[in-house]
Amino acid sequence: MSTSSIIWIIVAVVVVIAIVAALLWVARNRRDERRHIEAEQIREDVADKSLQVGEREARAEETAAKARMVQAEADAKAAEASALQHHAAHIGKRRRALARN
């Protein structure tokens, strides 16, 4: 084998290695780009869901506040009813006592 043949073989091997490396580099870049796009979509989905969760939490807190307010009103009405009941019982006792006399 002559020196020029060996040189051509070495050049061909180097070119093949360079082509394979370039193809691998392009494939890796495409894969990375797909992953970046997928990651961005996931981030957008998470942001949307986070907003929805925040809105739901706000509605739940508002509902809980209304429930506490209604419960406080019910407690006040129950206390008022109890006071009126005691007052009516007291008046009833006085009327009975006056009726006996």
PDB file of N, CA and C in Angstrom:
ATOM      1  N   MET A   1       0.835  -1.146   0.000  1.00  0.00           N
ATOM      2  CA  MET A   1       0.000   0.000   0.000  1.00  0.00           C
ATOM      3  C   MET A   1       0.899   1.234   0.000  1.00  0.00           C
ATOM      4  N   SER A   2       0.510   2.194  -0.820  1.00  0.00           N
ATOM      5  CA  SER A   2       1.339   3.392  -0.919  1.00  0.00           C
ATOM      6  C   SER A   2       0.941   4.403   0.153  1.00  0.00           C
ATOM      7  N   THR A   3       1.807   5.355   0.323  1.00  0.00           N
ATOM      8  CA  THR A   3       1.587   6.384   1.339  1.00  0.00           C
ATOM      9  C   THR A   3       0.332   7.189   1.021  1.00  0.00           C
ATOM     10  N   SER A   4       0.097   7.477  -0.236  1.00  0.00           N
ATOM     11  CA  SER A   4      -1.079   8.265  -0.604  1.00  0.00           C
ATOM     12  C   SER A   4      -2.365   7.493  -0.313  1.00  0.00           C
ATOM     13  N   SER A   5      -2.354   6.174  -0.468  1.00  0.00           N
ATOM     14  CA  SER A   5      -3.539   5.363  -0.152  1.00  0.00           C
ATOM     15  C   SER A   5      -3.822   5.402   1.345  1.00  0.00           C
ATOM     16  N   ILE A   6      -2.776   5.300   2.136  1.00  0.00           N
ATOM     17  CA  ILE A   6      -2.940   5.349   3.592  1.00  0.00           C
ATOM     18  C   ILE A   6      -3.493   6.720   3.994  1.00  0.00           C
ATOM     19  N   ILE A   7      -2.994   7.772   3.395  1.00  0.00           N
ATOM     20  CA  ILE A   7      -3.465   9.119   3.705  1.00  0.00           C
ATOM     21  C   ILE A   7      -4.951   9.250   3.351  1.00  0.00           C
ATOM     22  N   TRP A   8      -5.353   8.721   2.188  1.00  0.00           N
ATOM     23  CA  TRP A   8      -6.765   8.786   1.768  1.00  0.00           C
ATOM     24  C   TRP A   8      -7.661   7.978   2.718  1.00  0.00           C
ATOM     25  N   ILE A   9      -7.161   6.868   3.164  1.00  0.00           N
ATOM     26  CA  ILE A   9      -7.933   6.055   4.111  1.00  0.00           C
ATOM     27  C   ILE A   9      -8.100   6.827   5.427  1.00  0.00           C
ATOM     28  N   ILE A  10      -7.025   7.436   5.900  1.00  0.00           N
ATOM     29  CA  ILE A  10      -7.080   8.218   7.148  1.00  0.00           C
ATOM     30  C   ILE A  10      -8.033   9.400   6.975  1.00  0.00           C
ATOM     31  N   VAL A  11      -7.950  10.081   5.850  1.00  0.00           N
ATOM     32  CA  VAL A  11      -8.845  11.215   5.576  1.00  0.00           C
ATOM     33  C   VAL A  11     -10.297  10.725   5.547  1.00  0.00           C
ATOM     34  N   ALA A  12     -10.550   9.585   4.905  1.00  0.00           N
ATOM     35  CA  ALA A  12     -11.912   9.050   4.833  1.00  0.00           C
ATOM     36  C   ALA A  12     -12.437   8.701   6.230  1.00  0.00           C
ATOM     37  N   VAL A  13     -11.572   8.078   7.051  1.00  0.00           N
ATOM     38  CA  VAL A  13     -11.984   7.731   8.416  1.00  0.00           C
ATOM     39  C   VAL A  13     -12.286   8.997   9.214  1.00  0.00           C
ATOM     40  N   VAL A  14     -11.449  10.008   9.096  1.00  0.00           N
ATOM     41  CA  VAL A  14     -11.664  11.272   9.805  1.00  0.00           C
ATOM     42  C   VAL A  14     -12.969  11.922   9.329  1.00  0.00           C
ATOM     43  N   VAL A  15     -13.235  11.892   8.025  1.00  0.00           N
ATOM     44  CA  VAL A  15     -14.469  12.475   7.487  1.00  0.00           C
ATOM     45  C   VAL A  15     -15.681  11.715   8.020  1.00  0.00           C
ATOM     46  N   VAL A  16     -15.611  10.381   8.040  1.00  0.00           N
ATOM     47  CA  VAL A  16     -16.721   9.570   8.556  1.00  0.00           C
ATOM     48  C   VAL A  16     -16.949   9.882  10.041  1.00  0.00           C
ATOM     49  N   ILE A  17     -15.859   9.956  10.787  1.00  0.00           N
ATOM     50  CA  ILE A  17     -15.978  10.284  12.213  1.00  0.00           C
ATOM     51  C   ILE A  17     -16.596  11.677  12.378  1.00  0.00           C
ATOM     52  N   ALA A  18     -16.190  12.633  11.561  1.00  0.00           N
ATOM     53  CA  ALA A  18     -16.726  13.994  11.639  1.00  0.00           C
ATOM     54  C   ALA A  18     -18.218  14.005  11.296  1.00  0.00           C
ATOM     55  N   ILE A  19     -18.607  13.240  10.280  1.00  0.00           N
ATOM     56  CA  ILE A  19     -20.023  13.165   9.888  1.00  0.00           C
ATOM     57  C   ILE A  19     -20.853  12.531  11.004  1.00  0.00           C
ATOM     58  N   VAL A  20     -20.346  11.431  11.570  1.00  0.00           N
ATOM     59  CA  VAL A  20     -21.059  10.765  12.663  1.00  0.00           C
ATOM     60  C   VAL A  20     -21.175  11.713  13.858  1.00  0.00           C
ATOM     61  N   ALA A  21     -20.119  12.423  14.188  1.00  0.00           N
ATOM     62  CA  ALA A  21     -20.141  13.366  15.311  1.00  0.00           C
ATOM     63  C   ALA A  21     -21.144  14.487  15.040  1.00  0.00           C
ATOM     64  N   ALA A  22     -21.154  14.980  13.797  1.00  0.00           N
ATOM     65  CA  ALA A  22     -22.098  16.047  13.445  1.00  0.00           C
ATOM     66  C   ALA A  22     -23.534  15.546  13.542  1.00  0.00           C
ATOM     67  N   LEU A  23     -23.802  14.337  13.080  1.00  0.00           N
ATOM     68  CA  LEU A  23     -25.147  13.769  13.166  1.00  0.00           C
ATOM     69  C   LEU A  23     -25.573  13.574  14.617  1.00  0.00           C
ATOM     70  N   LEU A  24     -24.655  13.091  15.444  1.00  0.00           N
ATOM     71  CA  LEU A  24     -24.957  12.923  16.866  1.00  0.00           C
ATOM     72  C   LEU A  24     -25.235  14.271  17.532  1.00  0.00           C
ATOM     73  N   TRP A  25     -24.456  15.283  17.166  1.00  0.00           N
ATOM     74  CA  TRP A  25     -24.637  16.616  17.721  1.00  0.00           C
ATOM     75  C   TRP A  25     -26.003  17.200  17.340  1.00  0.00           C
ATOM     76  N   VAL A  26     -26.380  17.024  16.062  1.00  0.00           N
ATOM     77  CA  VAL A  26     -27.684  17.510  15.594  1.00  0.00           C
ATOM     78  C   VAL A  26     -28.813  16.765  16.309  1.00  0.00           C
ATOM     79  N   ALA A  27     -28.687  15.448  16.432  1.00  0.00           N
ATOM     80  CA  ALA A  27     -29.726  14.655  17.109  1.00  0.00           C
ATOM     81  C   ALA A  27     -29.861  15.090  18.569  1.00  0.00           C
ATOM     82  N   ARG A  28     -28.743  15.316  19.213  1.00  0.00           N
ATOM     83  CA  ARG A  28     -28.776  15.753  20.617  1.00  0.00           C
ATOM     84  C   ARG A  28     -29.430  17.116  20.747  1.00  0.00           C
ATOM     85  N   ASN A  29     -29.097  18.032  19.854  1.00  0.00           N
ATOM     86  CA  ASN A  29     -29.697  19.368  19.897  1.00  0.00           C
ATOM     87  C   ASN A  29     -31.207  19.302  19.671  1.00  0.00           C
ATOM     88  N   ARG A  30     -31.643  18.459  18.740  1.00  0.00           N
ATOM     89  CA  ARG A  30     -33.082  18.307  18.498  1.00  0.00           C
ATOM     90  C   ARG A  30     -33.781  17.743  19.737  1.00  0.00           C
ATOM     91  N   ARG A  31     -33.162  16.742  20.361  1.00  0.00           N
ATOM     92  CA  ARG A  31     -33.732  16.148  21.571  1.00  0.00           C
ATOM     93  C   ARG A  31     -33.815  17.190  22.683  1.00  0.00           C
ATOM     94  N   ASP A  32     -32.743  17.953  22.839  1.00  0.00           N
ATOM     95  CA  ASP A  32     -32.738  18.998  23.869  1.00  0.00           C
ATOM     96  C   ASP A  32     -33.809  20.050  23.585  1.00  0.00           C
ATOM     97  N   GLU A  33     -33.973  20.416  22.331  1.00  0.00           N
ATOM     98  CA  GLU A  33     -34.991  21.403  21.962  1.00  0.00           C
ATOM     99  C   GLU A  33     -36.390  20.871  22.266  1.00  0.00           C
ATOM    100  N   ARG A  34     -36.648  19.592  21.961  1.00  0.00           N
ATOM    101  CA  ARG A  34     -37.945  18.979  22.287  1.00  0.00           C
ATOM    102  C   ARG A  34     -38.173  18.998  23.800  1.00  0.00           C
ATOM    103  N   ARG A  35     -37.126  18.682  24.548  1.00  0.00           N
ATOM    104  CA  ARG A  35     -37.244  18.688  26.005  1.00  0.00           C
ATOM    105  C   ARG A  35     -37.518  20.098  26.535  1.00  0.00           C
ATOM    106  N   HIS A  36     -36.885  21.091  25.940  1.00  0.00           N
ATOM    107  CA  HIS A  36     -37.134  22.474  26.363  1.00  0.00           C
ATOM    108  C   HIS A  36     -38.586  22.869  26.083  1.00  0.00           C
ATOM    109  N   ILE A  37     -39.091  22.469  24.929  1.00  0.00           N
ATOM    110  CA  ILE A  37     -40.478  22.772  24.576  1.00  0.00           C
ATOM    111  C   ILE A  37     -41.431  22.059  25.543  1.00  0.00           C
ATOM    112  N   GLU A  38     -41.160  20.788  25.819  1.00  0.00           N
ATOM    113  CA  GLU A  38     -41.999  20.039  26.760  1.00  0.00           C
ATOM    114  C   GLU A  38     -41.945  20.664  28.155  1.00  0.00           C
ATOM    115  N   ALA A  39     -40.761  21.061  28.582  1.00  0.00           N
ATOM    116  CA  ALA A  39     -40.613  21.682  29.903  1.00  0.00           C
ATOM    117  C   ALA A  39     -41.385  22.993  29.965  1.00  0.00           C
ATOM    118  N   GLU A  40     -41.341  23.767  28.911  1.00  0.00           N
ATOM    119  CA  GLU A  40     -42.086  25.028  28.873  1.00  0.00           C
ATOM    120  C   GLU A  40     -43.583  24.758  28.940  1.00  0.00           C
ATOM    121  N   GLN A  41     -44.057  23.747  28.245  1.00  0.00           N
ATOM    122  CA  GLN A  41     -45.477  23.393  28.286  1.00  0.00           C
ATOM    123  C   GLN A  41     -45.877  22.951  29.697  1.00  0.00           C
ATOM    124  N   ILE A  42     -45.015  22.173  30.321  1.00  0.00           N
ATOM    125  CA  ILE A  42     -45.296  21.735  31.698  1.00  0.00           C
ATOM    126  C   ILE A  42     -45.347  22.938  32.636  1.00  0.00           C
ATOM    127  N   ARG A  43     -44.415  23.881  32.472  1.00  0.00           N
ATOM    128  CA  ARG A  43     -44.421  25.089  33.309  1.00  0.00           C
ATOM    129  C   ARG A  43     -45.708  25.892  33.104  1.00  0.00           C
ATOM    130  N   GLU A  44     -46.153  26.010  31.859  1.00  0.00           N
ATOM    131  CA  GLU A  44     -47.398  26.734  31.577  1.00  0.00           C
ATOM    132  C   GLU A  44     -48.588  26.018  32.209  1.00  0.00           C
ATOM    133  N   ASP A  45     -48.617  24.691  32.097  1.00  0.00           N
ATOM    134  CA  ASP A  45     -49.712  23.922  32.699  1.00  0.00           C
ATOM    135  C   ASP A  45     -49.734  24.102  34.214  1.00  0.00           C
ATOM    136  N   VAL A  46     -48.552  24.047  34.817  1.00  0.00           N
ATOM    137  CA  VAL A  46     -48.459  24.215  36.269  1.00  0.00           C
ATOM    138  C   VAL A  46     -48.923  25.620  36.663  1.00  0.00           C
ATOM    139  N   ALA A  47     -48.540  26.618  35.907  1.00  0.00           N
ATOM    140  CA  ALA A  47     -48.956  27.994  36.209  1.00  0.00           C
ATOM    141  C   ALA A  47     -50.472  28.119  36.107  1.00  0.00           C
ATOM    142  N   ASP A  48     -51.065  27.520  35.063  1.00  0.00           N
ATOM    143  CA  ASP A  48     -52.526  27.555  34.913  1.00  0.00           C
ATOM    144  C   ASP A  48     -53.211  26.860  36.080  1.00  0.00           C
ATOM    145  N   LYS A  49     -52.707  25.690  36.429  1.00  0.00           N
ATOM    146  CA  LYS A  49     -53.319  24.936  37.523  1.00  0.00           C
ATOM    147  C   LYS A  49     -53.128  25.653  38.850  1.00  0.00           C
ATOM    148  N   SER A  50     -51.990  26.298  39.022  1.00  0.00           N
ATOM    149  CA  SER A  50     -51.738  27.049  40.244  1.00  0.00           C
ATOM    150  C   SER A  50     -52.733  28.206  40.361  1.00  0.00           C
ATOM    151  N   LEU A  51     -53.001  28.869  39.255  1.00  0.00           N
ATOM    152  CA  LEU A  51     -53.982  29.946  39.248  1.00  0.00           C
ATOM    153  C   LEU A  51     -55.363  29.407  39.601  1.00  0.00           C
ATOM    154  N   GLN A  52     -55.730  28.268  39.017  1.00  0.00           N
ATOM    155  CA  GLN A  52     -57.030  27.658  39.312  1.00  0.00           C
ATOM    156  C   GLN A  52     -57.129  27.283  40.792  1.00  0.00           C
ATOM    157  N   VAL A  53     -56.056  26.728  41.325  1.00  0.00           N
ATOM    158  CA  VAL A  53     -56.051  26.352  42.746  1.00  0.00           C
ATOM    159  C   VAL A  53     -56.209  27.599  43.609  1.00  0.00           C
ATOM    160  N   GLY A  54     -55.531  28.663  43.261  1.00  0.00           N
ATOM    161  CA  GLY A  54     -55.654  29.914  44.008  1.00  0.00           C
ATOM    162  C   GLY A  54     -57.079  30.443  43.985  1.00  0.00           C
ATOM    163  N   GLU A  55     -57.711  30.369  42.818  1.00  0.00           N
ATOM    164  CA  GLU A  55     -59.099  30.819  42.708  1.00  0.00           C
ATOM    165  C   GLU A  55     -60.018  29.942  43.553  1.00  0.00           C
ATOM    166  N   ARG A  56     -59.794  28.643  43.518  1.00  0.00           N
ATOM    167  CA  ARG A  56     -60.614  27.732  44.321  1.00  0.00           C
ATOM    168  C   ARG A  56     -60.414  27.984  45.813  1.00  0.00           C
ATOM    169  N   GLU A  57     -59.166  28.220  46.199  1.00  0.00           N
ATOM    170  CA  GLU A  57     -58.892  28.517  47.607  1.00  0.00           C
ATOM    171  C   GLU A  57     -59.599  29.798  48.037  1.00  0.00           C
ATOM    172  N   ALA A  58     -59.591  30.799  47.163  1.00  0.00           N
ATOM    173  CA  ALA A  58     -60.259  32.063  47.483  1.00  0.00           C
ATOM    174  C   ALA A  58     -61.763  31.845  47.639  1.00  0.00           C
ATOM    175  N   ARG A  59     -62.358  31.061  46.726  1.00  0.00           N
ATOM    176  CA  ARG A  59     -63.796  30.774  46.836  1.00  0.00           C
ATOM    177  C   ARG A  59     -64.090  29.980  48.106  1.00  0.00           C
ATOM    178  N   ALA A  60     -63.217  29.037  48.421  1.00  0.00           N
ATOM    179  CA  ALA A  60     -63.422  28.229  49.631  1.00  0.00           C
ATOM    180  C   ALA A  60     -63.326  29.108  50.876  1.00  0.00           C
ATOM    181  N   GLU A  61     -62.378  30.016  50.906  1.00  0.00           N
ATOM    182  CA  GLU A  61     -62.233  30.917  52.059  1.00  0.00           C
ATOM    183  C   GLU A  61     -63.443  31.836  52.170  1.00  0.00           C
ATOM    184  N   GLU A  62     -63.929  32.321  51.027  1.00  0.00           N
ATOM    185  CA  GLU A  62     -65.118  33.173  51.037  1.00  0.00           C
ATOM    186  C   GLU A  62     -66.328  32.395  51.563  1.00  0.00           C
ATOM    187  N   THR A  63     -66.479  31.165  51.113  1.00  0.00           N
ATOM    188  CA  THR A  63     -67.586  30.326  51.580  1.00  0.00           C
ATOM    189  C   THR A  63     -67.461  30.054  53.074  1.00  0.00           C
ATOM    190  N   ALA A  64     -66.253  29.779  53.530  1.00  0.00           N
ATOM    191  CA  ALA A  64     -66.032  29.532  54.959  1.00  0.00           C
ATOM    192  C   ALA A  64     -66.357  30.779  55.776  1.00  0.00           C
ATOM    193  N   ALA A  65     -65.984  31.945  55.272  1.00  0.00           N
ATOM    194  CA  ALA A  65     -66.276  33.195  55.976  1.00  0.00           C
ATOM    195  C   ALA A  65     -67.785  33.412  56.067  1.00  0.00           C
ATOM    196  N   LYS A  66     -68.487  33.137  54.959  1.00  0.00           N
ATOM    197  CA  LYS A  66     -69.943  33.268  54.979  1.00  0.00           C
ATOM    198  C   LYS A  66     -70.554  32.281  55.972  1.00  0.00           C
ATOM    199  N   ALA A  67     -70.020  31.069  55.995  1.00  0.00           N
ATOM    200  CA  ALA A  67     -70.526  30.053  56.925  1.00  0.00           C
ATOM    201  C   ALA A  67     -70.302  30.491  58.371  1.00  0.00           C
ATOM    202  N   ARG A  68     -69.139  31.073  58.661  1.00  0.00           N
ATOM    203  CA  ARG A  68     -68.876  31.568  60.018  1.00  0.00           C
ATOM    204  C   ARG A  68     -69.836  32.691  60.374  1.00  0.00           C
ATOM    205  N   MET A  69     -70.115  33.570  59.418  1.00  0.00           N
ATOM    206  CA  MET A  69     -71.020  34.677  59.668  1.00  0.00           C
ATOM    207  C   MET A  69     -72.442  34.152  59.928  1.00  0.00           C
ATOM    208  N   VAL A  70     -72.893  33.200  59.126  1.00  0.00           N
ATOM    209  CA  VAL A  70     -74.224  32.622  59.312  1.00  0.00           C
ATOM    210  C   VAL A  70     -74.291  31.897  60.659  1.00  0.00           C
ATOM    211  N   GLN A  71     -73.230  31.202  61.017  1.00  0.00           N
ATOM    212  CA  GLN A  71     -73.206  30.502  62.308  1.00  0.00           C
ATOM    213  C   GLN A  71     -73.275  31.497  63.459  1.00  0.00           C
ATOM    214  N   ALA A  72     -72.560  32.608  63.327  1.00  0.00           N
ATOM    215  CA  ALA A  72     -72.598  33.642  64.372  1.00  0.00           C
ATOM    216  C   ALA A  72     -74.004  34.213  64.491  1.00  0.00           C
ATOM    217  N   GLU A  73     -74.660  34.435  63.356  1.00  0.00           N
ATOM    218  CA  GLU A  73     -76.040  34.934  63.389  1.00  0.00           C
ATOM    219  C   GLU A  73     -76.958  33.911  64.043  1.00  0.00           C
ATOM    220  N   ALA A  74     -76.788  32.650  63.719  1.00  0.00           N
ATOM    221  CA  ALA A  74     -77.607  31.589  64.315  1.00  0.00           C
ATOM    222  C   ALA A  74     -77.377  31.520  65.822  1.00  0.00           C
ATOM    223  N   ASP A  75     -76.115  31.642  66.237  1.00  0.00           N
ATOM    224  CA  ASP A  75     -75.811  31.628  67.673  1.00  0.00           C
ATOM    225  C   ASP A  75     -76.475  32.813  68.375  1.00  0.00           C
ATOM    226  N   ALA A  76     -76.436  33.989  67.740  1.00  0.00           N
ATOM    227  CA  ALA A  76     -77.053  35.182  68.322  1.00  0.00           C
ATOM    228  C   ALA A  76     -78.563  34.995  68.436  1.00  0.00           C
ATOM    229  N   LYS A  77     -79.172  34.424  67.382  1.00  0.00           N
ATOM    230  CA  LYS A  77     -80.626  34.181  67.420  1.00  0.00           C
ATOM    231  C   LYS A  77     -80.968  33.153  68.502  1.00  0.00           C
ATOM    232  N   ALA A  78     -80.143  32.141  68.648  1.00  0.00           N
ATOM    233  CA  ALA A  78     -80.389  31.128  69.677  1.00  0.00           C
ATOM    234  C   ALA A  78     -80.272  31.756  71.065  1.00  0.00           C
ATOM    235  N   ALA A  79     -79.289  32.628  71.260  1.00  0.00           N
ATOM    236  CA  ALA A  79     -79.127  33.303  72.554  1.00  0.00           C
ATOM    237  C   ALA A  79     -80.322  34.209  72.823  1.00  0.00           C
ATOM    238  N   GLU A  80     -80.773  34.918  71.793  1.00  0.00           N
ATOM    239  CA  GLU A  80     -81.938  35.791  71.938  1.00  0.00           C
ATOM    240  C   GLU A  80     -83.189  34.967  72.273  1.00  0.00           C
ATOM    241  N   ALA A  81     -83.366  33.845  71.589  1.00  0.00           N
ATOM    242  CA  ALA A  81     -84.516  32.978  71.858  1.00  0.00           C
ATOM    243  C   ALA A  81     -84.463  32.445  73.282  1.00  0.00           C
ATOM    244  N   SER A  82     -83.284  32.072  73.741  1.00  0.00           N
ATOM    245  CA  SER A  82     -83.132  31.568  75.100  1.00  0.00           C
ATOM    246  C   SER A  82     -83.472  32.655  76.115  1.00  0.00           C
ATOM    247  N   ALA A  83     -82.993  33.877  75.861  1.00  0.00           N
ATOM    248  CA  ALA A  83     -83.281  34.992  76.765  1.00  0.00           C
ATOM    249  C   ALA A  83     -84.774  35.272  76.800  1.00  0.00           C
ATOM    250  N   LEU A  84     -85.410  35.260  75.622  1.00  0.00           N
ATOM    251  CA  LEU A  84     -86.855  35.489  75.582  1.00  0.00           C
ATOM    252  C   LEU A  84     -87.617  34.371  76.297  1.00  0.00           C
ATOM    253  N   GLN A  85     -87.128  33.173  76.150  1.00  0.00           N
ATOM    254  CA  GLN A  85     -87.767  32.034  76.814  1.00  0.00           C
ATOM    255  C   GLN A  85     -87.663  32.187  78.337  1.00  0.00           C
ATOM    256  N   HIS A  86     -86.488  32.575  78.826  1.00  0.00           N
ATOM    257  CA  HIS A  86     -86.313  32.790  80.265  1.00  0.00           C
ATOM    258  C   HIS A  86     -87.188  33.950  80.746  1.00  0.00           C
ATOM    259  N   HIS A  87     -87.236  34.991  79.940  1.00  0.00           N
ATOM    260  CA  HIS A  87     -88.054  36.148  80.296  1.00  0.00           C
ATOM    261  C   HIS A  87     -89.530  35.743  80.353  1.00  0.00           C
ATOM    262  N   ALA A  88     -89.991  34.981  79.368  1.00  0.00           N
ATOM    263  CA  ALA A  88     -91.386  34.533  79.346  1.00  0.00           C
ATOM    264  C   ALA A  88     -91.676  33.636  80.538  1.00  0.00           C
ATOM    265  N   ALA A  89     -90.736  32.785  80.894  1.00  0.00           N
ATOM    266  CA  ALA A  89     -90.927  31.915  82.057  1.00  0.00           C
ATOM    267  C   ALA A  89     -91.024  32.752  83.330  1.00  0.00           C
ATOM    268  N   HIS A  90     -90.199  33.769  83.438  1.00  0.00           N
ATOM    269  CA  HIS A  90     -90.217  34.641  84.614  1.00  0.00           C
ATOM    270  C   HIS A  90     -91.548  35.383  84.699  1.00  0.00           C
ATOM    271  N   ILE A  91     -92.013  35.908  83.571  1.00  0.00           N
ATOM    272  CA  ILE A  91     -93.297  36.619  83.545  1.00  0.00           C
ATOM    273  C   ILE A  91     -94.426  35.658  83.904  1.00  0.00           C
ATOM    274  N   GLY A  92     -94.342  34.447  83.378  1.00  0.00           N
ATOM    275  CA  GLY A  92     -95.360  33.440  83.702  1.00  0.00           C
ATOM    276  C   GLY A  92     -95.419  33.156  85.193  1.00  0.00           C
ATOM    277  N   LYS A  93     -94.269  33.049  85.831  1.00  0.00           N
ATOM    278  CA  LYS A  93     -94.215  32.814  87.283  1.00  0.00           C
ATOM    279  C   LYS A  93     -94.823  33.989  88.037  1.00  0.00           C
ATOM    280  N   ARG A  94     -94.507  35.208  87.618  1.00  0.00           N
ATOM    281  CA  ARG A  94     -95.050  36.398  88.293  1.00  0.00           C
ATOM    282  C   ARG A  94     -96.560  36.452  88.139  1.00  0.00           C
ATOM    283  N   ARG A  95     -97.072  36.133  86.946  1.00  0.00           N
ATOM    284  CA  ARG A  95     -98.522  36.158  86.738  1.00  0.00           C
ATOM    285  C   ARG A  95     -99.212  35.114  87.613  1.00  0.00           C
ATOM    286  N   ARG A  96     -98.612  33.934  87.693  1.00  0.00           N
ATOM    287  CA  ARG A  96     -99.197  32.900  88.537  1.00  0.00           C
ATOM    288  C   ARG A  96     -99.178  33.318  89.999  1.00  0.00           C
ATOM    289  N   ALA A  97     -98.084  33.950  90.391  1.00  0.00           N
ATOM    290  CA  ALA A  97     -97.976  34.396  91.788  1.00  0.00           C
ATOM    291  C   ALA A  97     -98.999  35.497  92.070  1.00  0.00           C
ATOM    292  N   LEU A  98     -99.185  36.410  91.138  1.00  0.00           N
ATOM    293  CA  LEU A  98    -100.165  37.473  91.319  1.00  0.00           C
ATOM    294  C   LEU A  98    -101.582  36.923  91.292  1.00  0.00           C
ATOM    295  N   ALA A  99    -101.792  35.912  90.476  1.00  0.00           N
ATOM    296  CA  ALA A  99    -103.127  35.305  90.376  1.00  0.00           C
ATOM    297  C   ALA A  99    -103.497  34.601  91.677  1.00  0.00           C
ATOM    298  N   ARG A 100    -102.528  34.044  92.383  1.00  0.00           N
ATOM    299  CA  ARG A 100    -102.784  33.374  93.664  1.00  0.00           C
ATOM    300  C   ARG A 100    -103.149  34.371  94.748  1.00  0.00           C
ATOM    301  N   ASN A 101    -102.615  35.520  94.638  1.00  0.00           N
ATOM    302  CA  ASN A 101    -102.844  36.528  95.707  1.00  0.00           C
ATOM    303  C   ASN A 101    -104.113  37.206  95.485  1.00  0.00           C
TER     304      ASN A 101
END
